Amino acid sequence: MRAHLAEFLGTFALVFAGCGAIAVGRLEPTGIAMAFGLAIAVAIYGLGHISGAHFNPAVSVGFALGRHFPWARVATYSLVQVAGAIAGAGLLRWTLGDVPLGVTRSSVGVPAAIAWEVVLTALLMLVITAVATDTRAVGQAAALAIGGTVALAALVGGPVTGASLNPARSIGPALVSGDLRDLWIYLAGPVIGAAAGSLLYAFLRDPADRR
């Protein structure tokens, strides 16, 4: 229960702070990207030792595929992550009124949008898997590495797809805003990307160095 509550709180923080940076309407794209990256870093530092700091259904799938997390808990982790995202978006709506909540949108066609989400999420999952599961990686810097990857993805991919990389992050604002257009892109793309990133790192790592 504590792990699930931590996942709820971490995903809530991600959406409230990251999408909040969009909702307040005062930050440039660079500031918004930094807000998402910092939100993830802070959540990992504060809650990672309790739940593993997934805060993303796609990451939970990627960990399970790499045999670092039980499949039986993927569904329950995903449910509380989505609930946290909805709560974060809902609090933004209640406190700020009818402002943009950062609903993810693509400026390119569907195939290209999926490709961007797959590639960016694969990069994120590769970094997460490295710092979280490989003894050769600098685990103490996990929060900075993962937060930096999220910020980098947002800087580069934000203008293209919104750089969701996270089904929960897209579901929360979409449901609260009542705008579900293209939501499936942000469900499929990140899950495929996380699976690819997990499998890629499994191929790259030294078989003798596993834990």
N, C-alpha and C. Protein backbone atom coordinates (compact mmCIF):
# COMPACT_ATOMS: atom_id res chain seq x y z
N MET A 1 0.82 -1.20 0.00
CA MET A 1 0.00 0.00 0.00
C MET A 1 0.86 1.27 0.00
N ARG A 2 1.95 1.27 0.76
CA ARG A 2 2.82 2.43 0.81
C ARG A 2 3.46 2.69 -0.56
N ALA A 3 3.85 1.61 -1.23
CA ALA A 3 4.45 1.76 -2.56
C ALA A 3 3.44 2.34 -3.54
N HIS A 4 2.21 1.89 -3.48
CA HIS A 4 1.19 2.40 -4.39
C HIS A 4 0.86 3.86 -4.08
N LEU A 5 0.81 4.21 -2.81
CA LEU A 5 0.58 5.61 -2.46
C LEU A 5 1.73 6.48 -2.95
N ALA A 6 2.96 5.98 -2.86
CA ALA A 6 4.11 6.74 -3.36
C ALA A 6 4.01 6.95 -4.86
N GLU A 7 3.55 5.94 -5.59
CA GLU A 7 3.38 6.09 -7.04
C GLU A 7 2.29 7.11 -7.36
N PHE A 8 1.22 7.11 -6.58
CA PHE A 8 0.17 8.11 -6.75
C PHE A 8 0.72 9.51 -6.53
N LEU A 9 1.45 9.69 -5.45
CA LEU A 9 1.97 11.02 -5.11
C LEU A 9 3.00 11.50 -6.13
N GLY A 10 3.87 10.60 -6.57
CA GLY A 10 4.88 10.99 -7.54
C GLY A 10 4.29 11.40 -8.87
N THR A 11 3.29 10.66 -9.33
CA THR A 11 2.64 11.01 -10.60
C THR A 11 1.81 12.27 -10.45
N PHE A 12 1.19 12.43 -9.30
CA PHE A 12 0.48 13.68 -9.00
C PHE A 12 1.43 14.87 -9.09
N ALA A 13 2.61 14.74 -8.48
CA ALA A 13 3.58 15.83 -8.49
C ALA A 13 4.04 16.14 -9.91
N LEU A 14 4.26 15.11 -10.70
CA LEU A 14 4.69 15.31 -12.08
C LEU A 14 3.68 16.14 -12.87
N VAL A 15 2.42 15.76 -12.77
CA VAL A 15 1.37 16.46 -13.54
C VAL A 15 1.09 17.84 -12.94
N PHE A 16 1.02 17.91 -11.63
CA PHE A 16 0.70 19.20 -11.01
C PHE A 16 1.79 20.23 -11.31
N ALA A 17 3.05 19.83 -11.19
CA ALA A 17 4.15 20.76 -11.43
C ALA A 17 4.42 20.95 -12.92
N GLY A 18 4.51 19.86 -13.66
CA GLY A 18 4.83 19.96 -15.09
C GLY A 18 3.72 20.61 -15.89
N CYS A 19 2.51 20.08 -15.75
CA CYS A 19 1.38 20.70 -16.46
C CYS A 19 1.02 22.04 -15.84
N GLY A 20 1.32 22.20 -14.55
CA GLY A 20 1.10 23.49 -13.92
C GLY A 20 1.96 24.57 -14.55
N ALA A 21 3.17 24.20 -14.96
CA ALA A 21 4.04 25.16 -15.65
C ALA A 21 3.41 25.64 -16.96
N ILE A 22 2.63 24.76 -17.59
CA ILE A 22 1.90 25.14 -18.80
C ILE A 22 0.68 25.98 -18.43
N ALA A 23 -0.02 25.55 -17.39
CA ALA A 23 -1.29 26.18 -17.02
C ALA A 23 -1.12 27.63 -16.57
N VAL A 24 -0.03 27.93 -15.88
CA VAL A 24 0.13 29.30 -15.39
C VAL A 24 0.42 30.27 -16.52
N GLY A 25 0.90 29.75 -17.65
CA GLY A 25 1.07 30.57 -18.86
C GLY A 25 2.15 31.61 -18.80
N ARG A 26 3.13 31.43 -17.94
CA ARG A 26 4.19 32.44 -17.81
C ARG A 26 5.58 31.92 -18.18
N LEU A 27 5.68 30.66 -18.49
CA LEU A 27 6.99 30.07 -18.76
C LEU A 27 7.17 29.80 -20.25
N GLU A 28 8.38 29.98 -20.71
CA GLU A 28 8.74 29.62 -22.08
C GLU A 28 8.92 28.10 -22.16
N PRO A 29 9.00 27.54 -23.37
CA PRO A 29 9.16 26.08 -23.51
C PRO A 29 10.34 25.52 -22.71
N THR A 30 11.43 26.27 -22.63
CA THR A 30 12.57 25.78 -21.85
C THR A 30 12.22 25.65 -20.38
N GLY A 31 11.50 26.60 -19.85
CA GLY A 31 11.08 26.54 -18.46
C GLY A 31 10.11 25.40 -18.21
N ILE A 32 9.23 25.16 -19.15
CA ILE A 32 8.28 24.05 -19.01
C ILE A 32 9.01 22.71 -19.01
N ALA A 33 9.98 22.57 -19.92
CA ALA A 33 10.77 21.34 -19.96
C ALA A 33 11.52 21.12 -18.65
N MET A 34 12.08 22.18 -18.11
CA MET A 34 12.80 22.07 -16.85
C MET A 34 11.85 21.71 -15.70
N ALA A 35 10.63 22.22 -15.75
CA ALA A 35 9.65 21.91 -14.70
C ALA A 35 9.34 20.42 -14.69
N PHE A 36 9.15 19.83 -15.86
CA PHE A 36 8.89 18.39 -15.92
C PHE A 36 10.09 17.60 -15.41
N GLY A 37 11.29 18.00 -15.85
CA GLY A 37 12.48 17.29 -15.41
C GLY A 37 12.72 17.41 -13.92
N LEU A 38 12.54 18.61 -13.38
CA LEU A 38 12.73 18.81 -11.95
C LEU A 38 11.67 18.07 -11.13
N ALA A 39 10.44 18.04 -11.63
CA ALA A 39 9.37 17.33 -10.92
C ALA A 39 9.71 15.84 -10.78
N ILE A 40 10.22 15.26 -11.86
CA ILE A 40 10.60 13.85 -11.80
C ILE A 40 11.78 13.65 -10.85
N ALA A 41 12.78 14.51 -10.94
CA ALA A 41 13.95 14.38 -10.07
C ALA A 41 13.56 14.48 -8.59
N VAL A 42 12.73 15.46 -8.28
CA VAL A 42 12.30 15.65 -6.89
C VAL A 42 11.50 14.44 -6.40
N ALA A 43 10.61 13.94 -7.24
CA ALA A 43 9.79 12.79 -6.86
C ALA A 43 10.65 11.55 -6.65
N ILE A 44 11.66 11.37 -7.48
CA ILE A 44 12.55 10.22 -7.32
C ILE A 44 13.32 10.32 -6.02
N TYR A 45 13.87 11.50 -5.74
CA TYR A 45 14.60 11.68 -4.49
C TYR A 45 13.71 11.45 -3.27
N GLY A 46 12.47 11.92 -3.34
CA GLY A 46 11.59 11.82 -2.19
C GLY A 46 10.90 10.49 -2.02
N LEU A 47 10.62 9.79 -3.13
CA LEU A 47 9.76 8.60 -3.06
C LEU A 47 10.36 7.35 -3.69
N GLY A 48 11.49 7.50 -4.38
CA GLY A 48 12.04 6.37 -5.11
C GLY A 48 12.36 5.17 -4.24
N HIS A 49 12.82 5.40 -3.02
CA HIS A 49 13.18 4.29 -2.14
C HIS A 49 11.96 3.56 -1.60
N ILE A 50 10.78 4.12 -1.80
CA ILE A 50 9.55 3.49 -1.31
C ILE A 50 8.91 2.63 -2.39
N SER A 51 8.85 3.13 -3.62
CA SER A 51 8.11 2.43 -4.67
C SER A 51 8.94 2.03 -5.88
N GLY A 52 10.17 2.53 -5.96
CA GLY A 52 10.96 2.31 -7.16
C GLY A 52 10.85 3.45 -8.16
N ALA A 53 9.96 4.40 -7.88
CA ALA A 53 9.83 5.63 -8.67
C ALA A 53 9.57 5.37 -10.15
N HIS A 54 8.49 4.64 -10.44
CA HIS A 54 8.09 4.47 -11.84
C HIS A 54 7.37 5.73 -12.32
N PHE A 55 6.26 6.08 -11.68
CA PHE A 55 5.45 7.26 -11.98
C PHE A 55 5.01 7.28 -13.45
N ASN A 56 4.91 6.10 -14.06
CA ASN A 56 4.66 6.01 -15.49
C ASN A 56 4.29 4.57 -15.82
N PRO A 57 3.07 4.31 -16.31
CA PRO A 57 2.69 2.93 -16.65
C PRO A 57 3.63 2.28 -17.66
N ALA A 58 4.15 3.06 -18.59
CA ALA A 58 5.07 2.49 -19.58
C ALA A 58 6.35 2.01 -18.92
N VAL A 59 6.84 2.74 -17.93
CA VAL A 59 8.04 2.33 -17.21
C VAL A 59 7.78 1.04 -16.43
N SER A 60 6.60 0.93 -15.83
CA SER A 60 6.25 -0.30 -15.11
C SER A 60 6.25 -1.49 -16.06
N VAL A 61 5.71 -1.29 -17.27
CA VAL A 61 5.72 -2.36 -18.27
C VAL A 61 7.16 -2.70 -18.66
N GLY A 62 7.97 -1.67 -18.88
CA GLY A 62 9.36 -1.90 -19.26
C GLY A 62 10.14 -2.66 -18.20
N PHE A 63 9.94 -2.31 -16.94
CA PHE A 63 10.61 -3.02 -15.85
C PHE A 63 10.16 -4.48 -15.79
N ALA A 64 8.86 -4.69 -15.95
CA ALA A 64 8.34 -6.06 -15.91
C ALA A 64 8.89 -6.88 -17.07
N LEU A 65 8.96 -6.28 -18.24
CA LEU A 65 9.50 -6.98 -19.40
C LEU A 65 10.96 -7.35 -19.19
N GLY A 66 11.69 -6.48 -18.49
CA GLY A 66 13.10 -6.76 -18.20
C GLY A 66 13.30 -7.61 -16.96
N ARG A 67 12.21 -8.10 -16.38
CA ARG A 67 12.25 -8.97 -15.20
C ARG A 67 12.81 -8.26 -13.96
N HIS A 68 12.53 -6.97 -13.87
CA HIS A 68 12.93 -6.21 -12.69
C HIS A 68 11.72 -5.83 -11.83
N PHE A 69 10.54 -6.29 -12.23
CA PHE A 69 9.30 -5.91 -11.55
C PHE A 69 8.26 -6.97 -11.86
N PRO A 70 7.44 -7.38 -10.88
CA PRO A 70 6.46 -8.44 -11.14
C PRO A 70 5.30 -7.96 -12.02
N TRP A 71 4.97 -8.77 -13.01
CA TRP A 71 3.85 -8.43 -13.89
C TRP A 71 2.56 -8.24 -13.11
N ALA A 72 2.40 -8.97 -12.01
CA ALA A 72 1.15 -8.90 -11.23
C ALA A 72 0.90 -7.50 -10.67
N ARG A 73 1.95 -6.68 -10.53
CA ARG A 73 1.79 -5.35 -9.95
C ARG A 73 1.72 -4.24 -11.01
N VAL A 74 1.90 -4.61 -12.26
CA VAL A 74 1.86 -3.58 -13.31
C VAL A 74 0.49 -2.91 -13.36
N ALA A 75 -0.57 -3.71 -13.30
CA ALA A 75 -1.93 -3.16 -13.40
C ALA A 75 -2.24 -2.22 -12.23
N THR A 76 -1.90 -2.63 -11.02
CA THR A 76 -2.23 -1.79 -9.87
C THR A 76 -1.36 -0.54 -9.83
N TYR A 77 -0.08 -0.67 -10.19
CA TYR A 77 0.76 0.52 -10.29
C TYR A 77 0.19 1.49 -11.33
N SER A 78 -0.22 0.95 -12.47
CA SER A 78 -0.74 1.80 -13.54
C SER A 78 -2.00 2.53 -13.10
N LEU A 79 -2.85 1.83 -12.37
CA LEU A 79 -4.10 2.45 -11.90
C LEU A 79 -3.83 3.63 -10.97
N VAL A 80 -2.91 3.46 -10.03
CA VAL A 80 -2.66 4.57 -9.10
C VAL A 80 -1.88 5.68 -9.79
N GLN A 81 -1.05 5.35 -10.76
CA GLN A 81 -0.36 6.39 -11.52
C GLN A 81 -1.35 7.25 -12.29
N VAL A 82 -2.31 6.61 -12.95
CA VAL A 82 -3.33 7.36 -13.69
C VAL A 82 -4.18 8.17 -12.72
N ALA A 83 -4.51 7.58 -11.57
CA ALA A 83 -5.30 8.32 -10.57
C ALA A 83 -4.55 9.55 -10.09
N GLY A 84 -3.24 9.42 -9.87
CA GLY A 84 -2.44 10.56 -9.45
C GLY A 84 -2.41 11.65 -10.50
N ALA A 85 -2.31 11.25 -11.77
CA ALA A 85 -2.30 12.22 -12.86
C ALA A 85 -3.64 12.96 -12.96
N ILE A 86 -4.73 12.23 -12.80
CA ILE A 86 -6.05 12.85 -12.83
C ILE A 86 -6.20 13.82 -11.66
N ALA A 87 -5.72 13.41 -10.49
CA ALA A 87 -5.81 14.30 -9.32
C ALA A 87 -4.98 15.56 -9.53
N GLY A 88 -3.79 15.42 -10.11
CA GLY A 88 -2.97 16.60 -10.37
C GLY A 88 -3.61 17.56 -11.34
N ALA A 89 -4.15 17.01 -12.44
CA ALA A 89 -4.83 17.86 -13.42
C ALA A 89 -6.11 18.45 -12.84
N GLY A 90 -6.81 17.66 -12.03
CA GLY A 90 -8.05 18.15 -11.42
C GLY A 90 -7.80 19.30 -10.47
N LEU A 91 -6.71 19.23 -9.71
CA LEU A 91 -6.39 20.32 -8.79
C LEU A 91 -6.01 21.58 -9.56
N LEU A 92 -5.32 21.43 -10.67
CA LEU A 92 -5.00 22.58 -11.51
C LEU A 92 -6.27 23.23 -12.03
N ARG A 93 -7.22 22.41 -12.50
CA ARG A 93 -8.48 22.95 -13.01
C ARG A 93 -9.25 23.66 -11.92
N TRP A 94 -9.30 23.08 -10.74
CA TRP A 94 -10.08 23.66 -9.64
C TRP A 94 -9.47 24.98 -9.17
N THR A 95 -8.14 25.04 -9.10
CA THR A 95 -7.50 26.23 -8.54
C THR A 95 -7.26 27.33 -9.58
N LEU A 96 -7.08 26.97 -10.84
CA LEU A 96 -6.74 27.96 -11.86
C LEU A 96 -7.86 28.24 -12.84
N GLY A 97 -8.90 27.43 -12.81
CA GLY A 97 -10.03 27.65 -13.71
C GLY A 97 -9.79 27.05 -15.09
N ASP A 98 -10.45 27.62 -16.07
CA ASP A 98 -10.44 27.07 -17.43
C ASP A 98 -9.18 27.53 -18.18
N VAL A 99 -8.06 26.93 -17.80
CA VAL A 99 -6.78 27.24 -18.45
C VAL A 99 -6.28 25.97 -19.15
N PRO A 100 -5.38 26.11 -20.12
CA PRO A 100 -4.81 24.92 -20.76
C PRO A 100 -4.06 24.06 -19.74
N LEU A 101 -4.33 22.76 -19.76
CA LEU A 101 -3.73 21.85 -18.79
C LEU A 101 -2.59 21.02 -19.39
N GLY A 102 -2.16 21.36 -20.59
CA GLY A 102 -1.08 20.61 -21.18
C GLY A 102 -1.51 19.32 -21.82
N VAL A 103 -2.71 19.32 -22.41
CA VAL A 103 -3.15 18.14 -23.16
C VAL A 103 -2.16 17.91 -24.30
N THR A 104 -1.65 16.70 -24.41
CA THR A 104 -0.62 16.43 -25.41
C THR A 104 -1.21 16.43 -26.81
N ARG A 105 -0.52 17.13 -27.70
CA ARG A 105 -0.95 17.31 -29.09
C ARG A 105 0.23 17.07 -30.01
N SER A 106 -0.05 16.58 -31.20
CA SER A 106 1.00 16.34 -32.18
C SER A 106 0.91 17.35 -33.30
N SER A 107 2.07 17.84 -33.73
CA SER A 107 2.13 18.76 -34.87
C SER A 107 2.51 18.02 -36.15
N VAL A 108 2.64 16.70 -36.06
CA VAL A 108 2.97 15.88 -37.22
C VAL A 108 1.92 14.79 -37.38
N GLY A 109 2.02 14.01 -38.45
CA GLY A 109 1.08 12.94 -38.69
C GLY A 109 1.18 11.83 -37.66
N VAL A 110 0.19 10.96 -37.65
CA VAL A 110 0.13 9.89 -36.65
C VAL A 110 1.37 8.98 -36.68
N PRO A 111 1.79 8.47 -37.83
CA PRO A 111 2.98 7.60 -37.81
C PRO A 111 4.22 8.31 -37.25
N ALA A 112 4.42 9.56 -37.64
CA ALA A 112 5.57 10.30 -37.14
C ALA A 112 5.45 10.56 -35.65
N ALA A 113 4.24 10.87 -35.18
CA ALA A 113 4.04 11.12 -33.75
C ALA A 113 4.35 9.88 -32.93
N ILE A 114 3.88 8.73 -33.39
CA ILE A 114 4.17 7.48 -32.69
C ILE A 114 5.66 7.22 -32.68
N ALA A 115 6.31 7.46 -33.81
CA ALA A 115 7.75 7.24 -33.90
C ALA A 115 8.50 8.11 -32.89
N TRP A 116 8.13 9.38 -32.77
CA TRP A 116 8.78 10.28 -31.81
C TRP A 116 8.57 9.80 -30.38
N GLU A 117 7.35 9.42 -30.06
CA GLU A 117 7.07 8.96 -28.70
C GLU A 117 7.82 7.65 -28.40
N VAL A 118 7.89 6.77 -29.39
CA VAL A 118 8.62 5.51 -29.20
C VAL A 118 10.10 5.78 -28.96
N VAL A 119 10.71 6.61 -29.79
CA VAL A 119 12.14 6.85 -29.67
C VAL A 119 12.48 7.57 -28.36
N LEU A 120 11.74 8.60 -28.02
CA LEU A 120 12.03 9.35 -26.79
C LEU A 120 11.79 8.50 -25.55
N THR A 121 10.74 7.70 -25.55
CA THR A 121 10.48 6.84 -24.39
C THR A 121 11.51 5.73 -24.29
N ALA A 122 11.95 5.21 -25.44
CA ALA A 122 12.99 4.19 -25.41
C ALA A 122 14.27 4.74 -24.79
N LEU A 123 14.62 5.98 -25.14
CA LEU A 123 15.79 6.61 -24.53
C LEU A 123 15.61 6.76 -23.03
N LEU A 124 14.43 7.21 -22.62
CA LEU A 124 14.15 7.37 -21.20
C LEU A 124 14.25 6.03 -20.48
N MET A 125 13.66 4.98 -21.04
CA MET A 125 13.67 3.66 -20.39
C MET A 125 15.07 3.10 -20.34
N LEU A 126 15.87 3.36 -21.37
CA LEU A 126 17.25 2.89 -21.37
C LEU A 126 18.02 3.52 -20.20
N VAL A 127 17.85 4.82 -20.01
CA VAL A 127 18.53 5.51 -18.90
C VAL A 127 18.02 5.00 -17.56
N ILE A 128 16.72 4.86 -17.43
CA ILE A 128 16.15 4.38 -16.16
C ILE A 128 16.66 2.99 -15.84
N THR A 129 16.65 2.10 -16.82
CA THR A 129 17.11 0.73 -16.59
C THR A 129 18.58 0.71 -16.19
N ALA A 130 19.38 1.56 -16.84
CA ALA A 130 20.81 1.60 -16.53
C ALA A 130 21.05 2.02 -15.09
N VAL A 131 20.49 3.15 -14.68
CA VAL A 131 20.80 3.67 -13.34
C VAL A 131 20.10 2.91 -12.24
N ALA A 132 19.00 2.21 -12.57
CA ALA A 132 18.23 1.51 -11.54
C ALA A 132 18.63 0.05 -11.37
N THR A 133 19.21 -0.56 -12.39
CA THR A 133 19.42 -2.01 -12.32
C THR A 133 20.85 -2.46 -12.57
N ASP A 134 21.71 -1.59 -13.07
CA ASP A 134 23.06 -2.01 -13.44
C ASP A 134 24.06 -1.48 -12.41
N THR A 135 24.81 -2.37 -11.80
CA THR A 135 25.75 -1.96 -10.76
C THR A 135 26.88 -1.09 -11.29
N ARG A 136 27.11 -1.10 -12.59
CA ARG A 136 28.18 -0.28 -13.16
C ARG A 136 27.76 1.18 -13.33
N ALA A 137 26.45 1.43 -13.36
CA ALA A 137 25.96 2.80 -13.55
C ALA A 137 26.07 3.58 -12.24
N VAL A 138 26.04 4.90 -12.34
CA VAL A 138 26.14 5.75 -11.16
C VAL A 138 24.75 5.91 -10.56
N GLY A 139 24.37 4.99 -9.70
CA GLY A 139 23.02 4.97 -9.15
C GLY A 139 22.68 6.18 -8.32
N GLN A 140 23.70 6.78 -7.66
CA GLN A 140 23.44 7.94 -6.81
C GLN A 140 22.93 9.13 -7.62
N ALA A 141 23.22 9.13 -8.91
CA ALA A 141 22.79 10.24 -9.76
C ALA A 141 21.52 9.89 -10.53
N ALA A 142 20.80 8.87 -10.10
CA ALA A 142 19.63 8.40 -10.85
C ALA A 142 18.60 9.50 -11.07
N ALA A 143 18.29 10.25 -10.01
CA ALA A 143 17.26 11.27 -10.13
C ALA A 143 17.65 12.34 -11.14
N LEU A 144 18.92 12.75 -11.09
CA LEU A 144 19.39 13.77 -12.04
C LEU A 144 19.42 13.23 -13.46
N ALA A 145 19.85 11.98 -13.62
CA ALA A 145 19.92 11.39 -14.96
C ALA A 145 18.53 11.26 -15.57
N ILE A 146 17.60 10.77 -14.78
CA ILE A 146 16.24 10.55 -15.30
C ILE A 146 15.54 11.88 -15.51
N GLY A 147 15.65 12.79 -14.54
CA GLY A 147 15.06 14.11 -14.71
C GLY A 147 15.65 14.85 -15.88
N GLY A 148 16.96 14.72 -16.07
CA GLY A 148 17.60 15.36 -17.22
C GLY A 148 17.12 14.78 -18.54
N THR A 149 16.89 13.48 -18.57
CA THR A 149 16.39 12.86 -19.80
C THR A 149 14.98 13.34 -20.12
N VAL A 150 14.14 13.46 -19.09
CA VAL A 150 12.78 13.97 -19.30
C VAL A 150 12.83 15.41 -19.81
N ALA A 151 13.68 16.24 -19.20
CA ALA A 151 13.80 17.62 -19.65
C ALA A 151 14.32 17.71 -21.07
N LEU A 152 15.32 16.89 -21.41
CA LEU A 152 15.85 16.87 -22.76
C LEU A 152 14.79 16.47 -23.77
N ALA A 153 14.03 15.43 -23.44
CA ALA A 153 12.96 14.98 -24.34
C ALA A 153 11.92 16.07 -24.54
N ALA A 154 11.59 16.79 -23.46
CA ALA A 154 10.61 17.86 -23.57
C ALA A 154 11.13 19.02 -24.40
N LEU A 155 12.42 19.32 -24.25
CA LEU A 155 13.01 20.41 -25.05
C LEU A 155 12.97 20.09 -26.54
N VAL A 156 13.33 18.84 -26.88
CA VAL A 156 13.41 18.46 -28.29
C VAL A 156 12.06 18.05 -28.85
N GLY A 157 11.34 17.23 -28.11
CA GLY A 157 10.10 16.67 -28.62
C GLY A 157 8.85 17.44 -28.28
N GLY A 158 8.96 18.40 -27.35
CA GLY A 158 7.78 19.16 -26.96
C GLY A 158 7.05 19.79 -28.13
N PRO A 159 7.75 20.48 -29.03
CA PRO A 159 7.06 21.11 -30.17
C PRO A 159 6.49 20.12 -31.18
N VAL A 160 6.95 18.87 -31.11
CA VAL A 160 6.52 17.88 -32.10
C VAL A 160 5.29 17.11 -31.61
N THR A 161 5.39 16.52 -30.41
CA THR A 161 4.29 15.70 -29.89
C THR A 161 3.84 16.10 -28.49
N GLY A 162 4.53 17.04 -27.89
CA GLY A 162 4.29 17.33 -26.48
C GLY A 162 5.18 16.52 -25.58
N ALA A 163 5.91 15.57 -26.16
CA ALA A 163 6.86 14.72 -25.41
C ALA A 163 6.23 14.16 -24.14
N SER A 164 5.18 13.37 -24.32
CA SER A 164 4.52 12.77 -23.17
C SER A 164 5.40 11.72 -22.51
N LEU A 165 5.78 10.69 -23.25
CA LEU A 165 6.60 9.57 -22.76
C LEU A 165 5.91 8.82 -21.63
N ASN A 166 4.64 9.13 -21.37
CA ASN A 166 4.00 8.64 -20.16
C ASN A 166 2.47 8.64 -20.36
N PRO A 167 1.85 7.46 -20.48
CA PRO A 167 0.40 7.43 -20.66
C PRO A 167 -0.37 8.17 -19.58
N ALA A 168 0.07 8.04 -18.32
CA ALA A 168 -0.65 8.71 -17.22
C ALA A 168 -0.60 10.21 -17.37
N ARG A 169 0.57 10.74 -17.74
CA ARG A 169 0.72 12.19 -17.91
C ARG A 169 -0.23 12.72 -18.97
N SER A 170 -0.54 11.92 -20.00
CA SER A 170 -1.47 12.35 -21.04
C SER A 170 -2.91 12.11 -20.65
N ILE A 171 -3.17 11.01 -19.96
CA ILE A 171 -4.55 10.67 -19.60
C ILE A 171 -5.14 11.70 -18.64
N GLY A 172 -4.39 12.11 -17.61
CA GLY A 172 -4.92 13.03 -16.61
C GLY A 172 -5.45 14.32 -17.20
N PRO A 173 -4.61 15.12 -17.89
CA PRO A 173 -5.11 16.36 -18.49
C PRO A 173 -6.19 16.13 -19.54
N ALA A 174 -6.09 15.04 -20.30
CA ALA A 174 -7.09 14.77 -21.34
C ALA A 174 -8.46 14.53 -20.73
N LEU A 175 -8.53 13.73 -19.67
CA LEU A 175 -9.82 13.44 -19.04
C LEU A 175 -10.40 14.67 -18.36
N VAL A 176 -9.56 15.40 -17.63
CA VAL A 176 -10.06 16.59 -16.93
C VAL A 176 -10.50 17.65 -17.92
N SER A 177 -9.82 17.75 -19.06
CA SER A 177 -10.19 18.73 -20.09
C SER A 177 -11.31 18.24 -20.99
N GLY A 178 -11.64 16.94 -20.91
CA GLY A 178 -12.67 16.38 -21.78
C GLY A 178 -12.25 16.34 -23.23
N ASP A 179 -10.96 16.19 -23.47
CA ASP A 179 -10.42 16.20 -24.83
C ASP A 179 -9.57 14.94 -25.03
N LEU A 180 -10.15 13.93 -25.64
CA LEU A 180 -9.48 12.64 -25.80
C LEU A 180 -8.95 12.42 -27.20
N ARG A 181 -8.93 13.46 -28.02
CA ARG A 181 -8.42 13.31 -29.38
C ARG A 181 -6.96 12.86 -29.36
N ASP A 182 -6.67 11.88 -30.15
CA ASP A 182 -5.30 11.37 -30.33
C ASP A 182 -4.69 10.79 -29.06
N LEU A 183 -5.52 10.57 -28.03
CA LEU A 183 -4.96 10.06 -26.78
C LEU A 183 -4.30 8.70 -26.98
N TRP A 184 -4.83 7.90 -27.90
CA TRP A 184 -4.29 6.56 -28.10
C TRP A 184 -2.82 6.59 -28.53
N ILE A 185 -2.42 7.66 -29.20
CA ILE A 185 -1.01 7.79 -29.60
C ILE A 185 -0.12 7.79 -28.36
N TYR A 186 -0.59 8.45 -27.30
CA TYR A 186 0.21 8.60 -26.09
C TYR A 186 0.02 7.44 -25.12
N LEU A 187 -0.80 6.49 -25.52
CA LEU A 187 -0.87 5.22 -24.81
C LEU A 187 0.04 4.20 -25.48
N ALA A 188 -0.08 4.11 -26.81
CA ALA A 188 0.68 3.11 -27.56
C ALA A 188 2.16 3.46 -27.67
N GLY A 189 2.47 4.69 -28.06
CA GLY A 189 3.85 5.08 -28.30
C GLY A 189 4.76 4.86 -27.11
N PRO A 190 4.43 5.39 -25.92
CA PRO A 190 5.31 5.21 -24.77
C PRO A 190 5.47 3.75 -24.34
N VAL A 191 4.39 2.97 -24.43
CA VAL A 191 4.50 1.56 -24.03
C VAL A 191 5.44 0.80 -24.97
N ILE A 192 5.28 1.03 -26.27
CA ILE A 192 6.18 0.40 -27.24
C ILE A 192 7.61 0.86 -27.01
N GLY A 193 7.78 2.16 -26.78
CA GLY A 193 9.12 2.70 -26.56
C GLY A 193 9.77 2.15 -25.30
N ALA A 194 9.01 2.05 -24.21
CA ALA A 194 9.57 1.52 -22.97
C ALA A 194 9.98 0.06 -23.14
N ALA A 195 9.15 -0.69 -23.85
CA ALA A 195 9.50 -2.10 -24.12
C ALA A 195 10.80 -2.17 -24.93
N ALA A 196 10.91 -1.31 -25.94
CA ALA A 196 12.12 -1.30 -26.78
C ALA A 196 13.35 -0.90 -25.97
N GLY A 197 13.22 0.12 -25.13
CA GLY A 197 14.34 0.57 -24.32
C GLY A 197 14.80 -0.49 -23.33
N SER A 198 13.85 -1.18 -22.72
CA SER A 198 14.18 -2.23 -21.76
C SER A 198 14.90 -3.38 -22.45
N LEU A 199 14.39 -3.80 -23.59
CA LEU A 199 15.02 -4.91 -24.33
C LEU A 199 16.39 -4.51 -24.87
N LEU A 200 16.52 -3.26 -25.30
CA LEU A 200 17.80 -2.79 -25.82
C LEU A 200 18.86 -2.81 -24.73
N TYR A 201 18.51 -2.34 -23.52
CA TYR A 201 19.52 -2.34 -22.46
C TYR A 201 19.84 -3.76 -22.02
N ALA A 202 18.85 -4.65 -22.05
CA ALA A 202 19.11 -6.05 -21.72
C ALA A 202 20.13 -6.64 -22.69
N PHE A 203 20.09 -6.21 -23.94
CA PHE A 203 21.06 -6.67 -24.92
C PHE A 203 22.43 -6.06 -24.68
N LEU A 204 22.46 -4.79 -24.28
CA LEU A 204 23.73 -4.08 -24.13
C LEU A 204 24.50 -4.46 -22.87
N ARG A 205 23.80 -4.80 -21.81
CA ARG A 205 24.48 -4.99 -20.53
C ARG A 205 25.27 -6.29 -20.51
N ASP A 206 26.21 -6.36 -19.60
CA ASP A 206 27.05 -7.53 -19.42
C ASP A 206 26.25 -8.62 -18.70
N PRO A 207 26.07 -9.81 -19.31
CA PRO A 207 25.28 -10.86 -18.65
C PRO A 207 25.83 -11.26 -17.28
N ALA A 208 27.12 -11.03 -17.04
CA ALA A 208 27.71 -11.40 -15.75
C ALA A 208 27.42 -10.38 -14.66
N ASP A 209 26.86 -9.23 -15.05
CA ASP A 209 26.61 -8.16 -14.08
C ASP A 209 25.12 -7.89 -13.98
N ARG A 210 24.41 -8.78 -13.33
CA ARG A 210 22.96 -8.66 -13.20
C ARG A 210 22.59 -8.75 -11.73
N ARG A 211 21.54 -8.02 -11.39
CA ARG A 211 21.02 -8.10 -10.04
C ARG A 211 19.54 -7.78 -10.05
